[in-house]
Amino acid sequence: MFIVTRKDDNRLDIEFTGKLDSDAMRAAPDDLVAKGEGIEHGRMFYRIGDFDMPTLGAIGIELSRHRPKPGLKNKRAAFTQKVREKLWKMKKSG
């Protein structure tokens, strides 16, 4: 379980207990951002209780959040790779 509580204008309390499943992993970052809205230079207090390893579904949710998204970044990487290949060919032939 992942519980976020806003204590005052500059403090969030976060508590980790039990098992973290895919539903909790999906909701946790959104809850943290929503309750932390407007806090600048604040403090975060966290308590880790009897915390179990996250379920496989929860790990999958976390990995999917960090998967590269199609768009400019991938196009830039493809372009960079083509330039490297052309430079390598020029270096080998020259």
N, C-alpha and C. Protein backbone atom coordinates (compact mmCIF):
# COMPACT_ATOMS: atom_id res chain seq x y z
N MET A 1 0.83 -1.17 0.00
CA MET A 1 0.00 0.00 0.00
C MET A 1 0.88 1.24 0.00
N PHE A 2 0.45 2.24 -0.67
CA PHE A 2 1.18 3.49 -0.83
C PHE A 2 0.22 4.61 -0.45
N ILE A 3 0.48 5.28 0.67
CA ILE A 3 -0.42 6.32 1.16
C ILE A 3 0.33 7.64 1.21
N VAL A 4 -0.25 8.67 0.57
CA VAL A 4 0.33 10.01 0.57
C VAL A 4 -0.61 10.93 1.35
N THR A 5 -0.05 11.64 2.32
CA THR A 5 -0.83 12.58 3.12
C THR A 5 -0.13 13.92 3.13
N ARG A 6 -0.87 14.97 2.85
CA ARG A 6 -0.30 16.32 2.91
C ARG A 6 -0.52 16.85 4.32
N LYS A 7 0.59 17.08 5.05
CA LYS A 7 0.51 17.52 6.44
C LYS A 7 0.31 19.02 6.56
N ASP A 8 1.02 19.80 5.76
CA ASP A 8 0.84 21.25 5.75
C ASP A 8 1.30 21.79 4.41
N ASP A 9 1.56 23.08 4.33
CA ASP A 9 1.89 23.71 3.05
C ASP A 9 3.23 23.30 2.47
N ASN A 10 4.09 22.67 3.27
CA ASN A 10 5.39 22.30 2.72
C ASN A 10 5.83 20.89 3.13
N ARG A 11 4.89 20.01 3.45
CA ARG A 11 5.29 18.67 3.86
C ARG A 11 4.30 17.61 3.39
N LEU A 12 4.88 16.55 2.82
CA LEU A 12 4.13 15.35 2.45
C LEU A 12 4.63 14.18 3.28
N ASP A 13 3.70 13.36 3.75
CA ASP A 13 4.06 12.11 4.41
C ASP A 13 3.69 10.97 3.49
N ILE A 14 4.62 10.04 3.31
CA ILE A 14 4.38 8.89 2.44
C ILE A 14 4.61 7.63 3.27
N GLU A 15 3.68 6.69 3.16
CA GLU A 15 3.81 5.45 3.91
C GLU A 15 3.73 4.27 2.95
N PHE A 16 4.72 3.41 3.04
CA PHE A 16 4.76 2.17 2.27
C PHE A 16 4.50 1.01 3.22
N THR A 17 3.47 0.24 2.97
CA THR A 17 3.21 -0.95 3.79
C THR A 17 2.60 -2.03 2.91
N GLY A 18 2.82 -3.26 3.30
CA GLY A 18 2.20 -4.39 2.61
C GLY A 18 2.68 -4.58 1.19
N LYS A 19 1.78 -5.08 0.36
CA LYS A 19 2.11 -5.42 -1.02
C LYS A 19 1.68 -4.30 -1.96
N LEU A 20 2.52 -4.00 -2.92
CA LEU A 20 2.22 -2.98 -3.93
C LEU A 20 1.83 -3.69 -5.22
N ASP A 21 0.55 -3.58 -5.60
CA ASP A 21 0.08 -4.25 -6.81
C ASP A 21 0.01 -3.26 -7.98
N SER A 22 -0.44 -3.73 -9.12
CA SER A 22 -0.43 -2.89 -10.32
C SER A 22 -1.36 -1.69 -10.20
N ASP A 23 -2.50 -1.84 -9.53
CA ASP A 23 -3.42 -0.70 -9.36
C ASP A 23 -2.79 0.38 -8.49
N ALA A 24 -2.15 -0.03 -7.41
CA ALA A 24 -1.50 0.95 -6.53
C ALA A 24 -0.32 1.62 -7.23
N MET A 25 0.43 0.85 -8.02
CA MET A 25 1.58 1.41 -8.73
C MET A 25 1.13 2.41 -9.79
N ARG A 26 -0.02 2.17 -10.39
CA ARG A 26 -0.55 3.09 -11.40
C ARG A 26 -1.03 4.38 -10.74
N ALA A 27 -1.63 4.29 -9.56
CA ALA A 27 -2.21 5.45 -8.89
C ALA A 27 -1.20 6.24 -8.07
N ALA A 28 -0.14 5.59 -7.58
CA ALA A 28 0.79 6.23 -6.64
C ALA A 28 1.44 7.50 -7.18
N PRO A 29 2.06 7.50 -8.36
CA PRO A 29 2.69 8.73 -8.84
C PRO A 29 1.69 9.87 -9.05
N ASP A 30 0.50 9.53 -9.54
CA ASP A 30 -0.51 10.56 -9.76
C ASP A 30 -0.96 11.17 -8.43
N ASP A 31 -1.13 10.32 -7.42
CA ASP A 31 -1.52 10.79 -6.10
C ASP A 31 -0.44 11.67 -5.49
N LEU A 32 0.80 11.26 -5.66
CA LEU A 32 1.93 12.04 -5.14
C LEU A 32 2.00 13.41 -5.79
N VAL A 33 1.83 13.47 -7.09
CA VAL A 33 1.88 14.75 -7.81
C VAL A 33 0.69 15.63 -7.42
N ALA A 34 -0.50 15.04 -7.33
CA ALA A 34 -1.69 15.82 -6.99
C ALA A 34 -1.60 16.43 -5.59
N LYS A 35 -1.16 15.64 -4.64
CA LYS A 35 -1.08 16.14 -3.26
C LYS A 35 0.12 17.05 -3.04
N GLY A 36 1.13 16.96 -3.91
CA GLY A 36 2.30 17.82 -3.80
C GLY A 36 2.17 19.11 -4.60
N GLU A 37 1.03 19.32 -5.23
CA GLU A 37 0.81 20.51 -6.04
C GLU A 37 1.02 21.78 -5.21
N GLY A 38 1.85 22.67 -5.71
CA GLY A 38 2.08 23.95 -5.06
C GLY A 38 3.18 23.97 -4.02
N ILE A 39 3.74 22.82 -3.70
CA ILE A 39 4.81 22.78 -2.71
C ILE A 39 6.14 23.11 -3.40
N GLU A 40 6.85 24.08 -2.85
CA GLU A 40 8.18 24.42 -3.33
C GLU A 40 9.13 24.40 -2.14
N HIS A 41 10.29 23.80 -2.33
CA HIS A 41 11.29 23.68 -1.27
C HIS A 41 10.68 23.04 -0.03
N GLY A 42 9.84 22.05 -0.24
CA GLY A 42 9.16 21.37 0.86
C GLY A 42 9.95 20.19 1.39
N ARG A 43 9.31 19.47 2.28
CA ARG A 43 9.92 18.30 2.88
C ARG A 43 9.03 17.09 2.64
N MET A 44 9.67 15.92 2.62
CA MET A 44 8.96 14.68 2.43
C MET A 44 9.40 13.71 3.53
N PHE A 45 8.44 13.24 4.28
CA PHE A 45 8.70 12.26 5.33
C PHE A 45 8.16 10.94 4.82
N TYR A 46 8.97 9.90 4.85
CA TYR A 46 8.47 8.61 4.41
C TYR A 46 8.72 7.55 5.46
N ARG A 47 7.79 6.62 5.54
CA ARG A 47 7.87 5.52 6.49
C ARG A 47 7.69 4.23 5.72
N ILE A 48 8.63 3.33 5.89
CA ILE A 48 8.54 2.03 5.24
C ILE A 48 8.27 1.00 6.33
N GLY A 49 7.07 0.46 6.30
CA GLY A 49 6.67 -0.53 7.29
C GLY A 49 7.03 -1.93 6.81
N ASP A 50 6.14 -2.85 7.01
CA ASP A 50 6.31 -4.23 6.57
C ASP A 50 6.01 -4.25 5.07
N PHE A 51 7.02 -3.98 4.28
CA PHE A 51 6.85 -3.78 2.84
C PHE A 51 7.28 -5.02 2.09
N ASP A 52 6.38 -5.59 1.29
CA ASP A 52 6.68 -6.78 0.48
C ASP A 52 7.19 -6.36 -0.88
N MET A 53 7.80 -7.29 -1.56
CA MET A 53 8.25 -7.05 -2.93
C MET A 53 7.03 -6.74 -3.80
N PRO A 54 7.11 -5.73 -4.68
CA PRO A 54 5.96 -5.43 -5.57
C PRO A 54 5.62 -6.63 -6.45
N THR A 55 4.35 -6.74 -6.81
CA THR A 55 3.92 -7.83 -7.69
C THR A 55 4.50 -7.63 -9.08
N LEU A 56 4.45 -8.69 -9.87
CA LEU A 56 4.97 -8.62 -11.23
C LEU A 56 4.20 -7.59 -12.05
N GLY A 57 2.89 -7.47 -11.83
CA GLY A 57 2.08 -6.48 -12.52
C GLY A 57 2.51 -5.06 -12.18
N ALA A 58 2.85 -4.83 -10.90
CA ALA A 58 3.29 -3.50 -10.47
C ALA A 58 4.62 -3.15 -11.11
N ILE A 59 5.51 -4.11 -11.22
CA ILE A 59 6.80 -3.86 -11.87
C ILE A 59 6.58 -3.55 -13.35
N GLY A 60 5.65 -4.27 -13.98
CA GLY A 60 5.33 -4.01 -15.39
C GLY A 60 4.80 -2.61 -15.60
N ILE A 61 3.95 -2.13 -14.68
CA ILE A 61 3.41 -0.77 -14.78
C ILE A 61 4.56 0.24 -14.70
N GLU A 62 5.47 0.04 -13.77
CA GLU A 62 6.59 0.97 -13.61
C GLU A 62 7.47 0.97 -14.85
N LEU A 63 7.74 -0.19 -15.39
CA LEU A 63 8.57 -0.26 -16.60
C LEU A 63 7.88 0.40 -17.79
N SER A 64 6.56 0.27 -17.88
CA SER A 64 5.85 0.86 -19.01
C SER A 64 5.85 2.39 -18.94
N ARG A 65 5.97 2.94 -17.75
CA ARG A 65 6.02 4.41 -17.60
C ARG A 65 7.33 4.97 -18.15
N HIS A 66 8.37 4.15 -18.18
CA HIS A 66 9.69 4.63 -18.60
C HIS A 66 10.09 4.14 -19.98
N ARG A 67 9.17 3.52 -20.69
CA ARG A 67 9.44 3.03 -22.03
C ARG A 67 9.56 4.22 -22.98
N PRO A 68 10.52 4.20 -23.89
CA PRO A 68 10.64 5.31 -24.84
C PRO A 68 9.36 5.45 -25.66
N LYS A 69 8.92 6.66 -25.82
CA LYS A 69 7.72 6.93 -26.60
C LYS A 69 8.11 7.34 -28.01
N PRO A 70 7.30 6.95 -28.99
CA PRO A 70 7.62 7.35 -30.36
C PRO A 70 7.57 8.85 -30.49
N GLY A 71 8.43 9.37 -31.33
CA GLY A 71 8.43 10.81 -31.51
C GLY A 71 9.82 11.33 -31.81
N LEU A 72 10.05 12.56 -31.42
CA LEU A 72 11.28 13.27 -31.75
C LEU A 72 12.52 12.55 -31.23
N LYS A 73 12.47 12.05 -30.02
CA LYS A 73 13.65 11.41 -29.45
C LYS A 73 14.08 10.21 -30.29
N ASN A 74 13.13 9.37 -30.69
CA ASN A 74 13.47 8.20 -31.50
C ASN A 74 13.93 8.61 -32.90
N LYS A 75 13.33 9.65 -33.46
CA LYS A 75 13.76 10.12 -34.78
C LYS A 75 15.18 10.66 -34.71
N ARG A 76 15.48 11.37 -33.62
CA ARG A 76 16.82 11.92 -33.44
C ARG A 76 17.84 10.78 -33.29
N ALA A 77 17.47 9.74 -32.56
CA ALA A 77 18.38 8.60 -32.38
C ALA A 77 18.62 7.89 -33.71
N ALA A 78 17.57 7.73 -34.52
CA ALA A 78 17.71 7.08 -35.83
C ALA A 78 18.60 7.92 -36.74
N PHE A 79 18.41 9.23 -36.74
CA PHE A 79 19.23 10.12 -37.55
C PHE A 79 20.69 10.05 -37.11
N THR A 80 20.93 10.08 -35.82
CA THR A 80 22.30 10.00 -35.29
C THR A 80 22.95 8.69 -35.71
N GLN A 81 22.20 7.59 -35.66
CA GLN A 81 22.75 6.30 -36.06
C GLN A 81 23.11 6.30 -37.55
N LYS A 82 22.28 6.89 -38.39
CA LYS A 82 22.59 6.96 -39.83
C LYS A 82 23.86 7.78 -40.08
N VAL A 83 24.00 8.89 -39.36
CA VAL A 83 25.20 9.72 -39.51
C VAL A 83 26.43 8.94 -39.09
N ARG A 84 26.34 8.22 -37.99
CA ARG A 84 27.48 7.40 -37.52
C ARG A 84 27.88 6.36 -38.57
N GLU A 85 26.87 5.71 -39.13
CA GLU A 85 27.15 4.69 -40.15
C GLU A 85 27.83 5.29 -41.37
N LYS A 86 27.37 6.45 -41.83
CA LYS A 86 28.00 7.09 -42.98
C LYS A 86 29.42 7.52 -42.66
N LEU A 87 29.64 8.07 -41.49
CA LEU A 87 31.02 8.46 -41.09
C LEU A 87 31.92 7.24 -41.01
N TRP A 88 31.40 6.13 -40.51
CA TRP A 88 32.19 4.92 -40.40
C TRP A 88 32.59 4.41 -41.80
N LYS A 89 31.62 4.45 -42.74
CA LYS A 89 31.90 4.01 -44.10
C LYS A 89 32.94 4.91 -44.76
N MET A 90 32.80 6.23 -44.52
CA MET A 90 33.78 7.18 -45.08
C MET A 90 35.17 6.92 -44.50
N LYS A 91 35.24 6.65 -43.23
CA LYS A 91 36.52 6.40 -42.58
C LYS A 91 37.17 5.13 -43.12
N LYS A 92 36.36 4.09 -43.32
CA LYS A 92 36.89 2.82 -43.83
C LYS A 92 37.38 2.95 -45.26
N SER A 93 36.67 3.72 -46.09
CA SER A 93 37.03 3.83 -47.50
C SER A 93 38.14 4.86 -47.73
N GLY A 94 38.33 5.78 -46.81
CA GLY A 94 39.28 6.87 -47.05
C GLY A 94 40.47 6.71 -46.27
